[in-house]
């Protein structure tokens, strides 16, 4: 079952409660708050935006460059004049210029850089998705644990109510003289033990709610509570997919695998960038300049006239051919090749860990399903045994000790059934997340 399907089920079965009024949250609300508040996700989002900026800059590098310049120089002593002779006089020069250039060929370095930065951006997006999945899993695990502890508390409270009812009946019989006072000792001791179990169940529930609230990074924990449908609505009764099928689907969809593929692609493009350093670089440039020249002790042409008369335009090509780079290019290629090898090993490790997690999740799910089925059958048998013990005790053919043994056995089976049920729901959620 897809995790989004589980959320939809919760929305359709459990009615949402206003968080401000009652502080009760559905699973979807818990997940939404956790995703919004999680600092690691926000930090990863910043990293993704940085990768996106780098990608946009790589594409912008294809555009021509344009720049303007202005300069002012003061010359003291001998300076060259308009007649191209030096004179002992002070002068000043004012210059203006504008120029542009574009790279015509660089061994496809800019193209490979665009591909590498795109792969880095996609890997960062996959990392962000993986982090979101981890938060969803953490919230769902804590949520299911809280539901389990709540059900165990209800079981403990139900046991107390049953024991109190039996104790009240025996107290009436003692008052009427039909039963000895000693017959109340065992029920009272049983009630005390069940009260202790209830207190422990309450504490476990509070701790699990606190753990969930801390995962959500809430500021207030006092009135925090959850609301959700029964765990059976989270369980897909369809046959489990084999681990091989889940693994094949995971290889196509899991963000950690996609992220490693993008990193491998980036490493391969970095190798092409390193190799492109061997190729010559051809650029085309245009320039336009003018200036004003003034010499002391002379009549100088006006500023505007000189700017018009000194106008100069030029265009040209520039070819840069690498000959010897102190082995920087060769060593850069070697580093890129080693990076590819390391990334490939990391990809293989990620796939192996994913397969291991899927196989473990599958076997844990099948085991939890078997325990849940066995526990449900045990509940029927334990309830029948408890009913029979009550009848025997009412007819005087069984002691109170035998009755409470049957009651304790039923309580234990109910707790085991609840644990197996929620564990099975949790294992199914893990499989769904690993598959999708």
Protein backbone atom coordinates (compact mmCIF):
# COMPACT_ATOMS: atom_id res chain seq x y z
CA UNK A 1 0.00 0.00 0.00
CA UNK A 2 1.41 3.39 -0.98
CA UNK A 3 2.06 5.73 1.92
CA UNK A 4 -0.09 8.44 0.31
CA UNK A 5 -2.95 5.96 0.17
CA UNK A 6 -2.58 5.39 3.90
CA UNK A 7 -2.87 9.11 4.50
CA UNK A 8 -6.01 9.33 2.36
CA UNK A 9 -7.57 6.48 4.38
CA UNK A 10 -6.85 8.34 7.60
CA UNK A 11 -8.48 11.45 6.21
CA UNK A 12 -11.62 9.65 5.10
CA UNK A 13 -12.07 7.60 8.28
CA UNK A 14 -10.84 9.93 11.01
CA UNK A 15 -12.32 13.42 11.23
CA UNK A 16 -9.77 16.19 11.67
CA UNK A 17 -9.72 18.19 14.89
CA UNK A 18 -8.69 21.82 15.12
CA UNK A 19 -5.11 21.91 16.39
CA UNK A 20 -5.55 25.22 18.17
CA UNK A 21 -8.56 24.07 20.20
CA UNK A 22 -7.96 20.45 21.21
CA UNK A 23 -4.39 19.86 20.08
CA UNK A 24 -5.38 16.61 18.37
CA UNK A 25 -3.67 15.66 15.13
CA UNK A 26 -4.27 13.09 12.42
CA UNK A 27 -1.37 11.27 10.82
CA UNK A 28 -1.47 13.57 7.81
CA UNK A 29 -1.32 16.64 10.04
CA UNK A 30 1.59 15.19 12.01
CA UNK A 31 3.50 14.48 8.80
CA UNK A 32 2.76 17.92 7.37
CA UNK A 33 3.93 19.71 10.52
CA UNK A 34 7.07 17.56 10.76
CA UNK A 35 7.99 18.24 7.12
CA UNK A 36 7.48 21.97 7.62
CA UNK A 37 9.41 22.21 10.90
CA UNK A 38 12.28 19.83 10.23
CA UNK A 39 15.52 21.79 10.17
CA UNK A 40 17.42 19.19 8.18
CA UNK A 41 14.86 19.41 5.38
CA UNK A 42 15.10 23.19 5.33
CA UNK A 43 18.90 22.95 5.24
CA UNK A 44 18.72 20.45 2.39
CA UNK A 45 16.34 22.77 0.52
CA UNK A 46 18.96 25.51 0.75
CA UNK A 47 21.52 23.09 -0.71
CA UNK A 48 19.12 22.24 -3.54
CA UNK A 49 18.65 25.93 -4.34
CA UNK A 50 22.41 26.39 -4.42
CA UNK A 51 22.72 23.53 -6.92
CA UNK A 52 19.99 25.13 -8.99
CA UNK A 53 21.85 28.45 -9.04
CA UNK A 54 25.03 26.66 -10.14
CA UNK A 55 23.09 24.97 -12.95
CA UNK A 56 21.57 28.27 -14.11
CA UNK A 57 25.02 29.89 -14.06
CA UNK A 58 26.46 27.06 -16.16
CA UNK A 59 23.83 27.74 -18.81
CA UNK A 60 24.41 31.49 -18.60
CA UNK A 61 28.13 30.91 -19.33
CA UNK A 62 27.13 30.25 -22.97
CA UNK A 63 26.07 33.87 -23.36
CA UNK A 64 28.51 36.53 -24.62
CA UNK A 65 30.18 38.78 -22.10
CA UNK A 66 29.91 42.57 -22.27
CA UNK A 67 31.81 45.15 -20.22
CA UNK A 68 32.53 48.87 -20.20
CA UNK A 69 35.59 50.71 -18.92
CA UNK A 70 36.70 54.23 -18.09
CA UNK A 71 40.11 55.55 -17.02
CA UNK A 72 41.81 58.77 -16.00
CA UNK A 73 45.61 59.14 -15.99
CA UNK A 74 47.76 62.09 -14.92
CA UNK A 75 51.30 62.26 -16.31
CA UNK A 76 54.01 64.48 -14.76
CA UNK A 77 57.29 65.23 -16.54
CA UNK A 78 58.01 63.94 -20.01
CA UNK A 79 54.95 62.85 -21.89
CA UNK A 80 54.21 62.03 -25.50
CA UNK A 81 52.24 64.57 -27.46
CA UNK A 82 49.90 64.44 -30.43
CA UNK A 83 52.86 64.62 -32.82
CA UNK A 84 54.26 61.47 -31.21
CA UNK A 85 57.22 63.29 -29.61
CA UNK A 86 58.10 63.57 -25.94
CA UNK A 87 58.00 66.94 -24.22
CA UNK A 88 58.69 68.11 -20.67
CA UNK A 89 55.15 69.05 -19.79
CA UNK A 90 52.38 67.65 -17.66
CA UNK A 91 49.43 65.95 -19.35
CA UNK A 92 46.30 63.97 -18.63
CA UNK A 93 44.45 61.25 -20.47
CA UNK A 94 40.79 60.23 -20.22
CA UNK A 95 39.69 56.98 -21.88
CA UNK A 96 36.37 55.19 -22.42
CA UNK A 97 35.76 51.77 -23.87
CA UNK A 98 33.22 49.01 -24.30
CA UNK A 99 33.89 45.46 -25.38
CA UNK A 100 32.38 42.04 -25.64
CA UNK A 101 33.50 38.47 -26.26
CA UNK A 102 32.02 35.06 -26.79
CA UNK A 103 33.55 31.60 -26.67
CA UNK A 104 33.23 29.80 -29.98
CA UNK A 105 34.94 26.55 -29.01
CA UNK A 106 36.35 25.21 -25.74
CA UNK A 107 36.36 21.47 -26.28
CA UNK A 108 32.67 21.29 -25.19
CA UNK A 109 33.75 22.25 -21.68
CA UNK A 110 30.73 24.50 -21.04
CA UNK A 111 28.29 21.90 -22.38
CA UNK A 112 29.71 19.21 -20.09
CA UNK A 113 29.62 21.65 -17.20
CA UNK A 114 25.91 22.27 -17.81
CA UNK A 115 25.25 18.51 -17.80
CA UNK A 116 27.30 18.05 -14.61
CA UNK A 117 25.54 20.87 -12.76
CA UNK A 118 22.14 19.54 -13.87
CA UNK A 119 23.04 16.12 -12.48
CA UNK A 120 24.17 17.73 -9.21
CA UNK A 121 20.85 19.56 -8.95
CA UNK A 122 18.86 16.39 -9.62
CA UNK A 123 20.93 14.49 -7.03
CA UNK A 124 20.18 17.21 -4.49
CA UNK A 125 16.47 16.95 -5.28
CA UNK A 126 16.64 13.18 -4.75
CA UNK A 127 18.42 13.73 -1.41
CA UNK A 128 15.64 16.10 -0.37
CA UNK A 129 13.01 13.52 -1.32
CA UNK A 130 14.88 10.83 0.63
CA UNK A 131 15.04 13.08 3.68
CA UNK A 132 11.30 13.72 3.42
CA UNK A 133 10.66 9.97 3.23
CA UNK A 134 12.78 9.44 6.34
CA UNK A 135 10.79 12.06 8.24
CA UNK A 136 7.52 10.50 7.08
CA UNK A 137 8.72 7.10 8.26
CA UNK A 138 9.85 8.47 11.62
CA UNK A 139 6.50 10.21 12.19
CA UNK A 140 4.53 7.16 11.08
CA UNK A 141 6.55 4.88 13.37
CA UNK A 142 6.04 7.14 16.38
CA UNK A 143 2.36 7.56 15.49
CA UNK A 144 1.77 3.81 15.32
CA UNK A 145 3.65 3.33 18.58
CA UNK A 146 1.38 5.87 20.24
CA UNK A 147 -1.67 4.07 18.85
CA UNK A 148 -0.36 0.77 20.20
CA UNK A 149 0.26 2.23 23.66
CA UNK A 150 -3.22 3.75 23.65
CA UNK A 151 -4.77 0.39 22.85
CA UNK A 152 -2.70 -1.29 25.57
CA UNK A 153 -3.97 1.35 28.00
CA UNK A 154 -7.55 0.61 26.96
CA UNK A 155 -6.94 -3.09 27.52
CA UNK A 156 -5.50 -2.38 30.97
CA UNK A 157 -8.48 -0.16 31.83
CA UNK A 158 -10.90 -2.82 30.60
CA UNK A 159 -9.23 -5.40 32.83
CA UNK A 160 -9.60 -3.09 35.82
CA UNK A 161 -13.27 -2.55 35.12
CA UNK A 162 -13.87 -6.30 34.85
CA UNK A 163 -11.98 -6.95 38.08
CA UNK A 164 -13.83 -4.15 39.88
CA UNK A 165 -17.17 -5.60 38.79
CA UNK A 166 -16.21 -9.06 40.07
CA UNK A 167 -14.87 -7.60 43.32
CA UNK A 168 -18.14 -5.72 43.83
CA UNK A 169 -20.15 -8.93 43.39
CA UNK A 170 -17.97 -10.79 45.88
CA UNK A 171 -18.23 -7.93 48.36
CA UNK A 172 -22.02 -8.21 48.23
CA UNK A 173 -21.79 -11.96 48.83
CA UNK A 174 -19.46 -11.39 51.80
CA UNK A 175 -21.88 -8.87 53.27
CA UNK A 176 -24.75 -11.34 52.90
CA UNK A 177 -22.70 -14.06 54.58
CA UNK A 178 -22.65 -16.29 51.52
CA UNK A 179 -18.88 -15.98 51.05
CA UNK A 180 -15.95 -15.81 53.41
CA UNK A 181 -13.99 -12.58 53.86
CA UNK A 182 -10.81 -14.29 52.66
CA UNK A 183 -12.32 -14.69 49.21
CA UNK A 184 -11.71 -10.94 48.66
CA UNK A 185 -7.94 -11.11 49.09
CA UNK A 186 -7.09 -12.46 45.68
CA UNK A 187 -9.40 -10.07 43.74
CA UNK A 188 -8.03 -7.09 45.67
CA UNK A 189 -4.45 -8.14 44.93
CA UNK A 190 -5.34 -8.64 41.29
CA UNK A 191 -6.91 -5.18 41.16
CA UNK A 192 -3.74 -3.64 42.62
CA UNK A 193 -1.60 -5.36 39.99
CA UNK A 194 -3.87 -4.17 37.21
CA UNK A 195 -3.77 -0.62 38.57
CA UNK A 196 0.02 -0.78 38.33
CA UNK A 197 -0.23 -2.05 34.76
CA UNK A 198 -2.56 0.83 33.91
CA UNK A 199 -0.13 3.39 35.35
CA UNK A 200 2.70 1.88 33.35
CA UNK A 201 0.57 1.94 30.20
CA UNK A 202 -0.28 5.61 30.82
CA UNK A 203 3.38 6.48 31.16
CA UNK A 204 4.25 4.59 27.97
CA UNK A 205 1.52 6.48 26.10
CA UNK A 206 2.75 9.85 27.38
CA UNK A 207 6.33 9.03 26.39
CA UNK A 208 5.31 7.93 22.90
CA UNK A 209 3.27 11.12 22.41
CA UNK A 210 6.23 13.14 23.64
CA UNK A 211 8.50 11.34 21.19
CA UNK A 212 6.08 12.06 18.32
CA UNK A 213 5.78 15.73 19.31
CA UNK A 214 9.56 16.06 19.43
CA UNK A 215 9.91 14.52 15.96
CA UNK A 216 7.38 17.11 14.77
CA UNK A 217 9.50 19.75 16.57
CA UNK A 218 6.49 21.24 18.33
CA UNK A 219 7.08 23.94 20.90
CA UNK A 220 4.25 22.86 23.24
CA UNK A 221 3.78 19.25 24.36
CA UNK A 222 1.30 19.59 27.22
CA UNK A 223 -1.99 19.20 25.35
CA UNK A 224 -0.66 17.26 22.38
CA UNK A 225 -2.76 14.27 21.33
CA UNK A 226 -3.54 12.24 18.22
CA UNK A 227 -6.67 10.92 16.57
CA UNK A 228 -6.71 8.10 14.04
CA UNK A 229 -8.84 5.21 12.77
CA UNK A 230 -8.28 1.63 13.92
CA UNK A 231 -5.06 0.02 12.78
CA UNK A 232 -6.96 -2.47 10.61
CA UNK A 233 -7.73 0.36 8.15
CA UNK A 234 -3.99 0.76 7.62
CA UNK A 235 -3.51 -2.87 6.68
CA UNK A 236 -3.73 -4.02 3.09
CA UNK A 237 -4.98 -7.59 3.02
CA UNK A 238 -3.70 -8.10 -0.54
CA UNK A 239 -0.90 -10.66 -0.91
CA UNK A 240 2.56 -9.30 -0.28
CA UNK A 241 4.78 -8.77 -3.30
CA UNK A 242 7.89 -10.89 -3.42
CA UNK A 243 11.15 -9.12 -2.43
CA UNK A 244 12.43 -9.41 -6.01
CA UNK A 245 9.46 -7.47 -7.38
CA UNK A 246 9.74 -4.83 -4.67
CA UNK A 247 13.46 -4.48 -5.35
CA UNK A 248 12.97 -4.03 -9.11
CA UNK A 249 10.40 -1.31 -8.43
CA UNK A 250 12.65 0.31 -5.83
CA UNK A 251 15.54 0.54 -8.30
CA UNK A 252 13.34 2.69 -10.51
CA UNK A 253 11.72 4.88 -7.88
CA UNK A 254 13.77 5.10 -4.69
CA UNK A 255 15.37 8.57 -4.34
CA UNK A 256 18.64 7.26 -2.88
CA UNK A 257 19.22 5.14 -6.00
CA UNK A 258 18.27 7.96 -8.35
CA UNK A 259 20.52 10.33 -6.40
CA UNK A 260 23.52 8.02 -6.79
CA UNK A 261 22.84 7.64 -10.52
CA UNK A 262 22.83 11.42 -10.88
CA UNK A 263 26.08 11.65 -8.92
CA UNK A 264 27.63 9.04 -11.20
CA UNK A 265 26.50 11.05 -14.21
CA UNK A 266 28.03 14.20 -12.68
CA UNK A 267 31.33 12.38 -12.12
CA UNK A 268 31.37 11.21 -15.74
CA UNK A 269 30.76 14.75 -16.96
CA UNK A 270 33.56 16.03 -14.73
CA UNK A 271 35.87 13.59 -16.49
CA UNK A 272 34.84 15.04 -19.86
CA UNK A 273 35.44 18.54 -18.49
CA UNK A 274 38.93 17.53 -17.41
CA UNK A 275 39.71 16.03 -20.81
CA UNK A 276 38.43 19.12 -22.63
CA UNK A 277 41.37 21.04 -21.14
CA UNK A 278 43.55 19.43 -23.82
CA UNK A 279 41.62 21.19 -26.59
CA UNK A 280 42.33 24.76 -27.77
CA UNK A 281 39.95 27.57 -26.90
CA UNK A 282 38.71 29.97 -29.57
CA UNK A 283 37.01 33.25 -28.65
CA UNK A 284 35.68 36.17 -30.66
CA UNK A 285 35.77 39.73 -29.32
CA UNK A 286 34.73 43.26 -30.32
CA UNK A 287 35.91 46.55 -28.80
CA UNK A 288 35.10 50.21 -29.19
CA UNK A 289 37.17 52.93 -27.47
CA UNK A 290 37.76 56.66 -27.43
CA UNK A 291 39.58 59.20 -25.26
CA UNK A 292 40.53 62.75 -24.40
CA UNK A 293 44.14 63.98 -24.25
CA UNK A 294 45.27 67.21 -22.66
CA UNK A 295 48.78 68.67 -22.48
CA UNK A 296 49.77 71.58 -20.29
CA UNK A 297 50.83 74.87 -21.93
CA UNK A 298 49.02 74.15 -25.18
CA UNK A 299 45.69 74.79 -26.79
CA UNK A 300 43.81 71.49 -26.67
CA UNK A 301 40.90 70.39 -28.81
CA UNK A 302 37.58 70.35 -26.96
CA UNK A 303 36.54 67.30 -24.98
CA UNK A 304 33.59 66.40 -27.23
CA UNK A 305 35.59 66.81 -30.44
CA UNK A 306 38.35 64.54 -29.20
CA UNK A 307 35.85 61.86 -28.15
CA UNK A 308 34.42 61.86 -31.66
CA UNK A 309 37.75 62.06 -33.46
CA UNK A 310 39.53 59.46 -31.29
CA UNK A 311 36.87 56.79 -31.78
CA UNK A 312 38.40 53.37 -32.50
CA UNK A 313 36.67 50.05 -33.29
CA UNK A 314 38.16 46.59 -33.47
CA UNK A 315 37.16 42.95 -33.69
CA UNK A 316 39.19 39.80 -33.69
CA UNK A 317 39.66 36.17 -32.80
CA UNK A 318 41.79 34.76 -30.02
CA UNK A 319 43.08 31.17 -30.05
CA UNK A 320 44.58 29.64 -26.92
CA UNK A 321 46.43 26.34 -27.38
CA UNK A 322 47.56 24.44 -24.27
CA UNK A 323 51.10 23.08 -24.58
CA UNK A 324 52.34 22.33 -21.09
CA UNK A 325 50.30 22.80 -17.92
CA UNK A 326 52.68 21.26 -15.37
CA UNK A 327 50.65 18.01 -15.52
CA UNK A 328 47.57 19.73 -14.10
CA UNK A 329 45.32 18.44 -16.89
CA UNK A 330 46.60 14.87 -16.60
CA UNK A 331 46.22 14.81 -12.82
CA UNK A 332 42.77 16.37 -13.12
CA UNK A 333 41.75 13.50 -15.41
CA UNK A 334 43.08 10.93 -12.95
CA UNK A 335 41.16 12.52 -10.09
CA UNK A 336 37.97 12.47 -12.17
CA UNK A 337 38.48 8.78 -13.03
CA UNK A 338 38.95 7.91 -9.36
CA UNK A 339 35.82 9.87 -8.50
CA UNK A 340 33.83 7.80 -11.01
CA UNK A 341 35.14 4.56 -9.48
CA UNK A 342 34.26 5.73 -5.97
CA UNK A 343 30.77 6.85 -7.00
CA UNK A 344 30.14 3.51 -8.73
CA UNK A 345 31.14 1.66 -5.56
CA UNK A 346 28.81 3.90 -3.54
CA UNK A 347 25.98 3.15 -5.98
CA UNK A 348 26.57 -0.60 -5.62
CA UNK A 349 26.61 -0.25 -1.84
CA UNK A 350 23.34 1.71 -1.91
CA UNK A 351 21.68 -1.00 -4.03
CA UNK A 352 22.96 -3.76 -1.74
CA UNK A 353 21.68 -1.98 1.37
CA UNK A 354 18.33 -1.36 -0.30
CA UNK A 355 17.96 -5.03 -1.21
CA UNK A 356 18.87 -6.02 2.34
CA UNK A 357 16.28 -3.65 3.80
CA UNK A 358 13.59 -4.95 1.44
CA UNK A 359 14.27 -8.60 2.25
CA UNK A 360 14.30 -7.87 5.98
CA UNK A 361 11.09 -5.85 5.73
CA UNK A 362 9.38 -8.62 3.75
CA UNK A 363 10.28 -11.35 6.21
CA UNK A 364 9.40 -9.12 9.17
CA UNK A 365 6.03 -8.39 7.56
CA UNK A 366 5.26 -12.06 6.94
CA UNK A 367 6.31 -12.90 10.49
CA UNK A 368 4.16 -10.12 11.95
CA UNK A 369 1.22 -11.30 9.84
CA UNK A 370 1.62 -14.85 11.14
CA UNK A 371 1.82 -13.63 14.74
CA UNK A 372 -1.24 -11.45 14.24
CA UNK A 373 -3.27 -14.35 12.79
CA UNK A 374 -2.17 -16.62 15.63
CA UNK A 375 -2.98 -13.95 18.22
CA UNK A 376 -6.48 -13.46 16.83
CA UNK A 377 -7.13 -17.17 17.11
CA UNK A 378 -5.71 -17.17 20.64
CA UNK A 379 -8.08 -14.37 21.63
CA UNK A 380 -11.09 -16.48 20.71
CA UNK A 381 -9.76 -19.44 22.67
CA UNK A 382 -8.77 -17.30 25.67
CA UNK A 383 -12.17 -15.60 25.81
CA UNK A 384 -13.90 -18.95 25.73
CA UNK A 385 -11.57 -20.23 28.47
CA UNK A 386 -12.28 -17.17 30.61
CA UNK A 387 -16.04 -17.56 30.09
CA UNK A 388 -15.83 -21.21 31.07
CA UNK A 389 -13.76 -20.35 34.16
CA UNK A 390 -16.38 -17.79 35.20
CA UNK A 391 -19.13 -20.38 34.90
CA UNK A 392 -17.14 -22.92 36.92
CA UNK A 393 -16.36 -20.32 39.56
CA UNK A 394 -20.02 -19.30 39.74
CA UNK A 395 -20.99 -22.94 40.26
CA UNK A 396 -18.35 -23.43 42.92
CA UNK A 397 -16.29 -25.84 40.83
CA UNK A 398 -13.25 -23.52 40.40
CA UNK A 399 -11.23 -21.36 42.71
CA UNK A 400 -10.71 -17.62 42.36
CA UNK A 401 -7.07 -18.34 41.51
CA UNK A 402 -8.10 -20.36 38.45
CA UNK A 403 -10.45 -17.56 37.40
CA UNK A 404 -7.75 -14.92 37.60
CA UNK A 405 -5.30 -17.16 35.74
CA UNK A 406 -7.77 -17.30 32.86
CA UNK A 407 -8.30 -13.54 33.06
CA UNK A 408 -4.55 -12.82 33.02
CA UNK A 409 -4.10 -15.15 30.07
CA UNK A 410 -6.79 -13.25 28.14
CA UNK A 411 -5.17 -9.89 28.96
CA UNK A 412 -1.78 -11.15 27.80
CA UNK A 413 -3.20 -12.44 24.53
CA UNK A 414 -5.01 -9.15 23.90
CA UNK A 415 -1.75 -7.25 24.36
CA UNK A 416 0.13 -9.62 22.05
CA UNK A 417 -2.57 -9.26 19.42
CA UNK A 418 -2.37 -5.47 19.58
CA UNK A 419 1.43 -5.50 19.27
CA UNK A 420 1.36 -7.92 16.32
CA UNK A 421 -1.34 -5.87 14.61
CA UNK A 422 0.53 -2.59 14.79
CA UNK A 423 3.84 -4.22 13.93
CA UNK A 424 2.27 -5.67 10.80
CA UNK A 425 0.89 -2.24 9.87
CA UNK A 426 4.36 -0.76 10.41
CA UNK A 427 6.09 -3.42 8.29
CA UNK A 428 3.61 -2.84 5.48
CA UNK A 429 4.34 0.87 5.60
CA UNK A 430 8.08 0.19 5.31
CA UNK A 431 7.54 -2.08 2.30
CA UNK A 432 5.28 0.51 0.64
CA UNK A 433 7.86 3.24 1.15
CA UNK A 434 10.71 1.09 -0.12
CA UNK A 435 8.73 0.10 -3.19
CA UNK A 436 7.52 3.58 -4.11
